[in-house]
Amino acid sequence: MNKIFLTTAIVGLFLSSCTRTNDFKPTAEMTGKDIFNAACVECHAAEGDSVMVLNAEMNDVDRIANHVLTGSISMPAFPNIQGESAKILAEYVVENSTFK
């Protein structure tokens, strides 16, 4: 019985992360670094001189901006980071990350 409960709890937590959103809304004067520090650093801590270590396929501003907007299984969506804010955040990530 305990194994069933534990499995159900783990699956529930996993599935709930699919629908998470973060309501952070950047202000017009924020830089990419400001947005990253306010919205992303909680989960994406800097690694040495890099803000992130990413797969080479993520070395694309549009792809990162879309990923921030839509989220993923392990990352919440940020529906309020759009347009210019998404672009400057994504540019900051590309310019300050290591790609493997």
PDB file of N, CA and C in Angstrom:
ATOM      1  N   MET A   1       0.819  -1.192   0.000  1.00  0.00           N
ATOM      2  CA  MET A   1       0.000   0.000   0.000  1.00  0.00           C
ATOM      3  C   MET A   1       0.866   1.260   0.000  1.00  0.00           C
ATOM      4  N   ASN A   2       1.931   1.287   0.810  1.00  0.00           N
ATOM      5  CA  ASN A   2       2.800   2.451   0.869  1.00  0.00           C
ATOM      6  C   ASN A   2       3.515   2.711  -0.447  1.00  0.00           C
ATOM      7  N   LYS A   3       3.874   1.632  -1.168  1.00  0.00           N
ATOM      8  CA  LYS A   3       4.539   1.805  -2.455  1.00  0.00           C
ATOM      9  C   LYS A   3       3.594   2.450  -3.461  1.00  0.00           C
ATOM     10  N   ILE A   4       2.337   2.065  -3.424  1.00  0.00           N
ATOM     11  CA  ILE A   4       1.349   2.648  -4.332  1.00  0.00           C
ATOM     12  C   ILE A   4       1.164   4.121  -4.021  1.00  0.00           C
ATOM     13  N   PHE A   5       1.067   4.467  -2.753  1.00  0.00           N
ATOM     14  CA  PHE A   5       0.916   5.868  -2.360  1.00  0.00           C
ATOM     15  C   PHE A   5       2.117   6.683  -2.806  1.00  0.00           C
ATOM     16  N   LEU A   6       3.322   6.171  -2.560  1.00  0.00           N
ATOM     17  CA  LEU A   6       4.541   6.879  -2.932  1.00  0.00           C
ATOM     18  C   LEU A   6       4.615   7.078  -4.443  1.00  0.00           C
ATOM     19  N   THR A   7       4.312   6.041  -5.196  1.00  0.00           N
ATOM     20  CA  THR A   7       4.327   6.145  -6.661  1.00  0.00           C
ATOM     21  C   THR A   7       3.313   7.172  -7.132  1.00  0.00           C
ATOM     22  N   THR A   8       2.129   7.154  -6.576  1.00  0.00           N
ATOM     23  CA  THR A   8       1.088   8.118  -6.943  1.00  0.00           C
ATOM     24  C   THR A   8       1.527   9.534  -6.616  1.00  0.00           C
ATOM     25  N   ALA A   9       2.150   9.736  -5.476  1.00  0.00           N
ATOM     26  CA  ALA A   9       2.618  11.066  -5.079  1.00  0.00           C
ATOM     27  C   ALA A   9       3.702  11.569  -6.021  1.00  0.00           C
ATOM     28  N   ILE A  10       4.631  10.700  -6.389  1.00  0.00           N
ATOM     29  CA  ILE A  10       5.706  11.099  -7.297  1.00  0.00           C
ATOM     30  C   ILE A  10       5.151  11.448  -8.668  1.00  0.00           C
ATOM     31  N   VAL A  11       4.264  10.621  -9.192  1.00  0.00           N
ATOM     32  CA  VAL A  11       3.648  10.899 -10.493  1.00  0.00           C
ATOM     33  C   VAL A  11       2.857  12.204 -10.432  1.00  0.00           C
ATOM     34  N   GLY A  12       2.149  12.440  -9.352  1.00  0.00           N
ATOM     35  CA  GLY A  12       1.384  13.674  -9.194  1.00  0.00           C
ATOM     36  C   GLY A  12       2.278  14.902  -9.195  1.00  0.00           C
ATOM     37  N   LEU A  13       3.394  14.827  -8.487  1.00  0.00           N
ATOM     38  CA  LEU A  13       4.338  15.949  -8.477  1.00  0.00           C
ATOM     39  C   LEU A  13       4.929  16.182  -9.856  1.00  0.00           C
ATOM     40  N   PHE A  14       5.263  15.105 -10.549  1.00  0.00           N
ATOM     41  CA  PHE A  14       5.820  15.212 -11.890  1.00  0.00           C
ATOM     42  C   PHE A  14       4.819  15.860 -12.834  1.00  0.00           C
ATOM     43  N   LEU A  15       3.585  15.430 -12.807  1.00  0.00           N
ATOM     44  CA  LEU A  15       2.577  15.974 -13.708  1.00  0.00           C
ATOM     45  C   LEU A  15       2.203  17.403 -13.351  1.00  0.00           C
ATOM     46  N   SER A  16       2.226  17.738 -12.079  1.00  0.00           N
ATOM     47  CA  SER A  16       1.883  19.109 -11.700  1.00  0.00           C
ATOM     48  C   SER A  16       2.927  20.092 -12.191  1.00  0.00           C
ATOM     49  N   SER A  17       4.167  19.636 -12.349  1.00  0.00           N
ATOM     50  CA  SER A  17       5.199  20.533 -12.854  1.00  0.00           C
ATOM     51  C   SER A  17       4.969  20.872 -14.321  1.00  0.00           C
ATOM     52  N   CYS A  18       4.194  20.074 -15.035  1.00  0.00           N
ATOM     53  CA  CYS A  18       3.909  20.333 -16.446  1.00  0.00           C
ATOM     54  C   CYS A  18       3.029  21.561 -16.621  1.00  0.00           C
ATOM     55  N   THR A  19       2.248  21.898 -15.635  1.00  0.00           N
ATOM     56  CA  THR A  19       1.304  22.994 -15.782  1.00  0.00           C
ATOM     57  C   THR A  19       1.687  24.219 -14.956  1.00  0.00           C
ATOM     58  N   ARG A  20       2.848  24.207 -14.365  1.00  0.00           N
ATOM     59  CA  ARG A  20       3.264  25.335 -13.536  1.00  0.00           C
ATOM     60  C   ARG A  20       3.534  26.565 -14.389  1.00  0.00           C
ATOM     61  N   THR A  21       3.186  27.691 -13.859  1.00  0.00           N
ATOM     62  CA  THR A  21       3.566  28.954 -14.488  1.00  0.00           C
ATOM     63  C   THR A  21       4.117  29.862 -13.401  1.00  0.00           C
ATOM     64  N   ASN A  22       4.915  30.796 -13.813  1.00  0.00           N
ATOM     65  CA  ASN A  22       5.474  31.771 -12.903  1.00  0.00           C
ATOM     66  C   ASN A  22       4.963  33.125 -13.359  1.00  0.00           C
ATOM     67  N   ASP A  23       4.381  33.907 -12.474  1.00  0.00           N
ATOM     68  CA  ASP A  23       3.749  35.169 -12.875  1.00  0.00           C
ATOM     69  C   ASP A  23       4.689  36.376 -12.828  1.00  0.00           C
ATOM     70  N   PHE A  24       5.999  36.136 -12.725  1.00  0.00           N
ATOM     71  CA  PHE A  24       6.956  37.232 -12.738  1.00  0.00           C
ATOM     72  C   PHE A  24       6.752  38.079 -13.999  1.00  0.00           C
ATOM     73  N   LYS A  25       6.751  39.397 -13.817  1.00  0.00           N
ATOM     74  CA  LYS A  25       6.595  40.313 -14.948  1.00  0.00           C
ATOM     75  C   LYS A  25       7.719  41.340 -14.901  1.00  0.00           C
ATOM     76  N   PRO A  26       8.605  41.308 -15.902  1.00  0.00           N
ATOM     77  CA  PRO A  26       9.704  42.273 -15.902  1.00  0.00           C
ATOM     78  C   PRO A  26       9.215  43.684 -16.186  1.00  0.00           C
ATOM     79  N   THR A  27       9.934  44.653 -15.652  1.00  0.00           N
ATOM     80  CA  THR A  27       9.630  46.050 -15.950  1.00  0.00           C
ATOM     81  C   THR A  27      10.435  46.468 -17.175  1.00  0.00           C
ATOM     82  N   ALA A  28      10.019  47.562 -17.804  1.00  0.00           N
ATOM     83  CA  ALA A  28      10.625  48.011 -19.057  1.00  0.00           C
ATOM     84  C   ALA A  28      12.105  48.332 -18.923  1.00  0.00           C
ATOM     85  N   GLU A  29      12.536  48.787 -17.764  1.00  0.00           N
ATOM     86  CA  GLU A  29      13.936  49.186 -17.609  1.00  0.00           C
ATOM     87  C   GLU A  29      14.877  48.038 -17.258  1.00  0.00           C
ATOM     88  N   MET A  30      14.369  46.835 -17.066  1.00  0.00           N
ATOM     89  CA  MET A  30      15.209  45.706 -16.670  1.00  0.00           C
ATOM     90  C   MET A  30      16.102  45.245 -17.827  1.00  0.00           C
ATOM     91  N   THR A  31      17.334  44.914 -17.479  1.00  0.00           N
ATOM     92  CA  THR A  31      18.267  44.334 -18.447  1.00  0.00           C
ATOM     93  C   THR A  31      18.072  42.818 -18.471  1.00  0.00           C
ATOM     94  N   GLY A  32      18.728  42.162 -19.413  1.00  0.00           N
ATOM     95  CA  GLY A  32      18.686  40.700 -19.453  1.00  0.00           C
ATOM     96  C   GLY A  32      19.204  40.088 -18.172  1.00  0.00           C
ATOM     97  N   LYS A  33      20.274  40.669 -17.644  1.00  0.00           N
ATOM     98  CA  LYS A  33      20.838  40.184 -16.376  1.00  0.00           C
ATOM     99  C   LYS A  33      19.848  40.380 -15.236  1.00  0.00           C
ATOM    100  N   ASP A  34      19.173  41.527 -15.207  1.00  0.00           N
ATOM    101  CA  ASP A  34      18.175  41.786 -14.167  1.00  0.00           C
ATOM    102  C   ASP A  34      17.053  40.749 -14.212  1.00  0.00           C
ATOM    103  N   ILE A  35      16.558  40.479 -15.415  1.00  0.00           N
ATOM    104  CA  ILE A  35      15.469  39.504 -15.569  1.00  0.00           C
ATOM    105  C   ILE A  35      15.951  38.128 -15.152  1.00  0.00           C
ATOM    106  N   PHE A  36      17.145  37.742 -15.588  1.00  0.00           N
ATOM    107  CA  PHE A  36      17.699  36.441 -15.216  1.00  0.00           C
ATOM    108  C   PHE A  36      17.807  36.309 -13.704  1.00  0.00           C
ATOM    109  N   ASN A  37      18.341  37.339 -13.053  1.00  0.00           N
ATOM    110  CA  ASN A  37      18.514  37.287 -11.593  1.00  0.00           C
ATOM    111  C   ASN A  37      17.178  37.255 -10.852  1.00  0.00           C
ATOM    112  N   ALA A  38      16.159  37.889 -11.409  1.00  0.00           N
ATOM    113  CA  ALA A  38      14.853  37.911 -10.749  1.00  0.00           C
ATOM    114  C   ALA A  38      14.025  36.659 -11.025  1.00  0.00           C
ATOM    115  N   ALA A  39      14.150  36.095 -12.214  1.00  0.00           N
ATOM    116  CA  ALA A  39      13.246  35.011 -12.608  1.00  0.00           C
ATOM    117  C   ALA A  39      13.915  33.646 -12.731  1.00  0.00           C
ATOM    118  N   CYS A  40      15.197  33.608 -12.997  1.00  0.00           N
ATOM    119  CA  CYS A  40      15.827  32.343 -13.382  1.00  0.00           C
ATOM    120  C   CYS A  40      16.825  31.785 -12.375  1.00  0.00           C
ATOM    121  N   VAL A  41      17.477  32.663 -11.620  1.00  0.00           N
ATOM    122  CA  VAL A  41      18.591  32.235 -10.780  1.00  0.00           C
ATOM    123  C   VAL A  41      18.165  31.276  -9.669  1.00  0.00           C
ATOM    124  N   GLU A  42      16.908  31.286  -9.321  1.00  0.00           N
ATOM    125  CA  GLU A  42      16.425  30.356  -8.293  1.00  0.00           C
ATOM    126  C   GLU A  42      16.701  28.902  -8.685  1.00  0.00           C
ATOM    127  N   CYS A  43      16.580  28.605  -9.965  1.00  0.00           N
ATOM    128  CA  CYS A  43      16.813  27.239 -10.451  1.00  0.00           C
ATOM    129  C   CYS A  43      18.090  27.105 -11.272  1.00  0.00           C
ATOM    130  N   HIS A  44      18.543  28.204 -11.853  1.00  0.00           N
ATOM    131  CA  HIS A  44      19.712  28.161 -12.728  1.00  0.00           C
ATOM    132  C   HIS A  44      20.844  28.971 -12.116  1.00  0.00           C
ATOM    133  N   ALA A  45      21.550  28.371 -11.182  1.00  0.00           N
ATOM    134  CA  ALA A  45      22.678  29.045 -10.533  1.00  0.00           C
ATOM    135  C   ALA A  45      23.865  29.074 -11.482  1.00  0.00           C
ATOM    136  N   ALA A  46      24.635  30.125 -11.402  1.00  0.00           N
ATOM    137  CA  ALA A  46      25.815  30.269 -12.253  1.00  0.00           C
ATOM    138  C   ALA A  46      26.807  29.142 -11.986  1.00  0.00           C
ATOM    139  N   GLU A  47      27.482  28.744 -13.052  1.00  0.00           N
ATOM    140  CA  GLU A  47      28.526  27.725 -12.949  1.00  0.00           C
ATOM    141  C   GLU A  47      29.832  28.354 -13.408  1.00  0.00           C
ATOM    142  N   GLY A  48      30.622  28.794 -12.474  1.00  0.00           N
ATOM    143  CA  GLY A  48      31.859  29.498 -12.828  1.00  0.00           C
ATOM    144  C   GLY A  48      31.525  30.837 -13.456  1.00  0.00           C
ATOM    145  N   ASP A  49      32.105  31.091 -14.623  1.00  0.00           N
ATOM    146  CA  ASP A  49      31.850  32.347 -15.323  1.00  0.00           C
ATOM    147  C   ASP A  49      30.585  32.283 -16.176  1.00  0.00           C
ATOM    148  N   SER A  50      29.966  31.117 -16.278  1.00  0.00           N
ATOM    149  CA  SER A  50      28.769  30.942 -17.102  1.00  0.00           C
ATOM    150  C   SER A  50      27.508  31.034 -16.258  1.00  0.00           C
ATOM    151  N   VAL A  51      26.460  31.649 -16.813  1.00  0.00           N
ATOM    152  CA  VAL A  51      25.192  31.663 -16.095  1.00  0.00           C
ATOM    153  C   VAL A  51      24.513  30.304 -16.218  1.00  0.00           C
ATOM    154  N   MET A  52      24.789  29.604 -17.327  1.00  0.00           N
ATOM    155  CA  MET A  52      24.212  28.277 -17.543  1.00  0.00           C
ATOM    156  C   MET A  52      25.150  27.455 -18.424  1.00  0.00           C
ATOM    157  N   VAL A  53      25.018  26.144 -18.366  1.00  0.00           N
ATOM    158  CA  VAL A  53      25.666  25.241 -19.307  1.00  0.00           C
ATOM    159  C   VAL A  53      24.530  24.577 -20.070  1.00  0.00           C
ATOM    160  N   LEU A  54      24.491  24.807 -21.380  1.00  0.00           N
ATOM    161  CA  LEU A  54      23.376  24.351 -22.203  1.00  0.00           C
ATOM    162  C   LEU A  54      23.842  23.468 -23.346  1.00  0.00           C
ATOM    163  N   ASN A  55      22.927  22.664 -23.872  1.00  0.00           N
ATOM    164  CA  ASN A  55      23.207  21.908 -25.084  1.00  0.00           C
ATOM    165  C   ASN A  55      23.411  22.883 -26.233  1.00  0.00           C
ATOM    166  N   ALA A  56      24.239  22.513 -27.182  1.00  0.00           N
ATOM    167  CA  ALA A  56      24.544  23.378 -28.321  1.00  0.00           C
ATOM    168  C   ALA A  56      23.290  23.800 -29.076  1.00  0.00           C
ATOM    169  N   GLU A  57      22.268  22.963 -29.096  1.00  0.00           N
ATOM    170  CA  GLU A  57      21.030  23.302 -29.822  1.00  0.00           C
ATOM    171  C   GLU A  57      20.295  24.492 -29.204  1.00  0.00           C
ATOM    172  N   MET A  58      20.612  24.817 -27.963  1.00  0.00           N
ATOM    173  CA  MET A  58      19.969  25.958 -27.314  1.00  0.00           C
ATOM    174  C   MET A  58      20.730  27.267 -27.559  1.00  0.00           C
ATOM    175  N   ASN A  59      21.745  27.231 -28.387  1.00  0.00           N
ATOM    176  CA  ASN A  59      22.512  28.435 -28.705  1.00  0.00           C
ATOM    177  C   ASN A  59      21.752  29.253 -29.755  1.00  0.00           C
ATOM    178  N   ASP A  60      20.548  29.638 -29.398  1.00  0.00           N
ATOM    179  CA  ASP A  60      19.638  30.321 -30.311  1.00  0.00           C
ATOM    180  C   ASP A  60      18.692  31.208 -29.505  1.00  0.00           C
ATOM    181  N   VAL A  61      18.734  32.507 -29.758  1.00  0.00           N
ATOM    182  CA  VAL A  61      17.942  33.469 -28.992  1.00  0.00           C
ATOM    183  C   VAL A  61      16.451  33.161 -29.082  1.00  0.00           C
ATOM    184  N   ASP A  62      15.947  32.883 -30.284  1.00  0.00           N
ATOM    185  CA  ASP A  62      14.514  32.608 -30.438  1.00  0.00           C
ATOM    186  C   ASP A  62      14.097  31.342 -29.700  1.00  0.00           C
ATOM    187  N   ARG A  63      14.938  30.334 -29.738  1.00  0.00           N
ATOM    188  CA  ARG A  63      14.616  29.073 -29.063  1.00  0.00           C
ATOM    189  C   ARG A  63      14.559  29.265 -27.544  1.00  0.00           C
ATOM    190  N   ILE A  64      15.511  30.005 -27.004  1.00  0.00           N
ATOM    191  CA  ILE A  64      15.511  30.261 -25.559  1.00  0.00           C
ATOM    192  C   ILE A  64      14.300  31.103 -25.166  1.00  0.00           C
ATOM    193  N   ALA A  65      14.004  32.148 -25.938  1.00  0.00           N
ATOM    194  CA  ALA A  65      12.846  32.997 -25.637  1.00  0.00           C
ATOM    195  C   ALA A  65      11.562  32.174 -25.630  1.00  0.00           C
ATOM    196  N   ASN A  66      11.411  31.282 -26.590  1.00  0.00           N
ATOM    197  CA  ASN A  66      10.223  30.428 -26.646  1.00  0.00           C
ATOM    198  C   ASN A  66      10.183  29.460 -25.467  1.00  0.00           C
ATOM    199  N   HIS A  67      11.329  28.938 -25.084  1.00  0.00           N
ATOM    200  CA  HIS A  67      11.401  28.003 -23.957  1.00  0.00           C
ATOM    201  C   HIS A  67      10.984  28.698 -22.656  1.00  0.00           C
ATOM    202  N   VAL A  68      11.403  29.948 -22.492  1.00  0.00           N
ATOM    203  CA  VAL A  68      11.020  30.718 -21.309  1.00  0.00           C
ATOM    204  C   VAL A  68       9.505  30.936 -21.298  1.00  0.00           C
ATOM    205  N   LEU A  69       8.948  31.268 -22.436  1.00  0.00           N
ATOM    206  CA  LEU A  69       7.515  31.544 -22.537  1.00  0.00           C
ATOM    207  C   LEU A  69       6.667  30.301 -22.268  1.00  0.00           C
ATOM    208  N   THR A  70       7.073  29.162 -22.835  1.00  0.00           N
ATOM    209  CA  THR A  70       6.252  27.950 -22.748  1.00  0.00           C
ATOM    210  C   THR A  70       6.618  27.016 -21.610  1.00  0.00           C
ATOM    211  N   GLY A  71       7.860  27.092 -21.132  1.00  0.00           N
ATOM    212  CA  GLY A  71       8.297  26.186 -20.082  1.00  0.00           C
ATOM    213  C   GLY A  71       8.519  24.780 -20.598  1.00  0.00           C
ATOM    214  N   SER A  72       8.693  23.846 -19.675  1.00  0.00           N
ATOM    215  CA  SER A  72       8.899  22.439 -20.014  1.00  0.00           C
ATOM    216  C   SER A  72       8.470  21.598 -18.823  1.00  0.00           C
ATOM    217  N   ILE A  73       8.718  20.326 -18.891  1.00  0.00           N
ATOM    218  CA  ILE A  73       8.345  19.444 -17.784  1.00  0.00           C
ATOM    219  C   ILE A  73       9.030  19.878 -16.488  1.00  0.00           C
ATOM    220  N   SER A  74      10.281  20.289 -16.588  1.00  0.00           N
ATOM    221  CA  SER A  74      11.016  20.643 -15.372  1.00  0.00           C
ATOM    222  C   SER A  74      11.124  22.148 -15.130  1.00  0.00           C
ATOM    223  N   MET A  75      10.559  22.958 -16.032  1.00  0.00           N
ATOM    224  CA  MET A  75      10.659  24.408 -15.890  1.00  0.00           C
ATOM    225  C   MET A  75       9.287  25.040 -16.063  1.00  0.00           C
ATOM    226  N   PRO A  76       8.931  25.957 -15.176  1.00  0.00           N
ATOM    227  CA  PRO A  76       7.630  26.622 -15.343  1.00  0.00           C
ATOM    228  C   PRO A  76       7.637  27.550 -16.557  1.00  0.00           C
ATOM    229  N   ALA A  77       6.477  27.816 -17.079  1.00  0.00           N
ATOM    230  CA  ALA A  77       6.319  28.803 -18.144  1.00  0.00           C
ATOM    231  C   ALA A  77       6.329  30.192 -17.514  1.00  0.00           C
ATOM    232  N   PHE A  78       6.848  31.149 -18.248  1.00  0.00           N
ATOM    233  CA  PHE A  78       6.860  32.545 -17.822  1.00  0.00           C
ATOM    234  C   PHE A  78       6.071  33.350 -18.861  1.00  0.00           C
ATOM    235  N   PRO A  79       4.732  33.306 -18.789  1.00  0.00           N
ATOM    236  CA  PRO A  79       3.914  33.945 -19.823  1.00  0.00           C
ATOM    237  C   PRO A  79       4.047  35.459 -19.886  1.00  0.00           C
ATOM    238  N   ASN A  80       4.591  36.085 -18.861  1.00  0.00           N
ATOM    239  CA  ASN A  80       4.755  37.541 -18.859  1.00  0.00           C
ATOM    240  C   ASN A  80       6.115  38.001 -19.384  1.00  0.00           C
ATOM    241  N   ILE A  81       6.981  37.054 -19.730  1.00  0.00           N
ATOM    242  CA  ILE A  81       8.259  37.432 -20.335  1.00  0.00           C
ATOM    243  C   ILE A  81       8.104  37.212 -21.838  1.00  0.00           C
ATOM    244  N   GLN A  82       7.767  38.288 -22.522  1.00  0.00           N
ATOM    245  CA  GLN A  82       7.497  38.244 -23.957  1.00  0.00           C
ATOM    246  C   GLN A  82       8.165  39.424 -24.639  1.00  0.00           C
ATOM    247  N   GLY A  83       8.151  39.416 -25.951  1.00  0.00           N
ATOM    248  CA  GLY A  83       8.626  40.550 -26.730  1.00  0.00           C
ATOM    249  C   GLY A  83      10.060  40.923 -26.424  1.00  0.00           C
ATOM    250  N   GLU A  84      10.288  42.217 -26.217  1.00  0.00           N
ATOM    251  CA  GLU A  84      11.633  42.730 -25.984  1.00  0.00           C
ATOM    252  C   GLU A  84      12.258  42.139 -24.724  1.00  0.00           C
ATOM    253  N   SER A  85      11.463  41.930 -23.680  1.00  0.00           N
ATOM    254  CA  SER A  85      11.997  41.343 -22.444  1.00  0.00           C
ATOM    255  C   SER A  85      12.518  39.934 -22.689  1.00  0.00           C
ATOM    256  N   ALA A  86      11.783  39.139 -23.443  1.00  0.00           N
ATOM    257  CA  ALA A  86      12.212  37.776 -23.765  1.00  0.00           C
ATOM    258  C   ALA A  86      13.485  37.808 -24.605  1.00  0.00           C
ATOM    259  N   LYS A  87      13.539  38.740 -25.542  1.00  0.00           N
ATOM    260  CA  LYS A  87      14.706  38.849 -26.417  1.00  0.00           C
ATOM    261  C   LYS A  87      15.957  39.219 -25.630  1.00  0.00           C
ATOM    262  N   ILE A  88      15.870  40.228 -24.756  1.00  0.00           N
ATOM    263  CA  ILE A  88      17.076  40.632 -24.034  1.00  0.00           C
ATOM    264  C   ILE A  88      17.491  39.588 -22.996  1.00  0.00           C
ATOM    265  N   LEU A  89      16.524  38.875 -22.432  1.00  0.00           N
ATOM    266  CA  LEU A  89      16.863  37.775 -21.527  1.00  0.00           C
ATOM    267  C   LEU A  89      17.590  36.682 -22.296  1.00  0.00           C
ATOM    268  N   ALA A  90      17.036  36.279 -23.425  1.00  0.00           N
ATOM    269  CA  ALA A  90      17.641  35.213 -24.230  1.00  0.00           C
ATOM    270  C   ALA A  90      19.027  35.617 -24.733  1.00  0.00           C
ATOM    271  N   GLU A  91      19.190  36.863 -25.142  1.00  0.00           N
ATOM    272  CA  GLU A  91      20.510  37.337 -25.572  1.00  0.00           C
ATOM    273  C   GLU A  91      21.511  37.268 -24.419  1.00  0.00           C
ATOM    274  N   TYR A  92      21.077  37.647 -23.228  1.00  0.00           N
ATOM    275  CA  TYR A  92      21.949  37.571 -22.047  1.00  0.00           C
ATOM    276  C   TYR A  92      22.369  36.122 -21.798  1.00  0.00           C
ATOM    277  N   VAL A  93      21.417  35.198 -21.885  1.00  0.00           N
ATOM    278  CA  VAL A  93      21.731  33.782 -21.657  1.00  0.00           C
ATOM    279  C   VAL A  93      22.721  33.285 -22.703  1.00  0.00           C
ATOM    280  N   VAL A  94      22.479  33.573 -23.980  1.00  0.00           N
ATOM    281  CA  VAL A  94      23.383  33.115 -25.038  1.00  0.00           C
ATOM    282  C   VAL A  94      24.786  33.701 -24.848  1.00  0.00           C
ATOM    283  N   GLU A  95      24.865  34.971 -24.544  1.00  0.00           N
ATOM    284  CA  GLU A  95      26.166  35.650 -24.407  1.00  0.00           C
ATOM    285  C   GLU A  95      26.939  35.215 -23.165  1.00  0.00           C
ATOM    286  N   ASN A  96      26.251  34.683 -22.163  1.00  0.00           N
ATOM    287  CA  ASN A  96      26.901  34.386 -20.889  1.00  0.00           C
ATOM    288  C   ASN A  96      26.834  32.923 -20.480  1.00  0.00           C
ATOM    289  N   SER A  97      26.537  32.037 -21.422  1.00  0.00           N
ATOM    290  CA  SER A  97      26.464  30.611 -21.131  1.00  0.00           C
ATOM    291  C   SER A  97      27.572  29.853 -21.847  1.00  0.00           C
ATOM    292  N   THR A  98      27.798  28.653 -21.375  1.00  0.00           N
ATOM    293  CA  THR A  98      28.700  27.717 -22.031  1.00  0.00           C
ATOM    294  C   THR A  98      27.823  26.700 -22.750  1.00  0.00           C
ATOM    295  N   PHE A  99      28.200  26.374 -23.972  1.00  0.00           N
ATOM    296  CA  PHE A  99      27.434  25.402 -24.754  1.00  0.00           C
ATOM    297  C   PHE A  99      28.288  24.168 -24.988  1.00  0.00           C
ATOM    298  N   LYS A 100      27.664  23.016 -24.754  1.00  0.00           N
ATOM    299  CA  LYS A 100      28.416  21.748 -24.926  1.00  0.00           C
ATOM    300  C   LYS A 100      27.879  20.984 -26.099  1.00  0.00           C
TER     301      LYS A 100
END
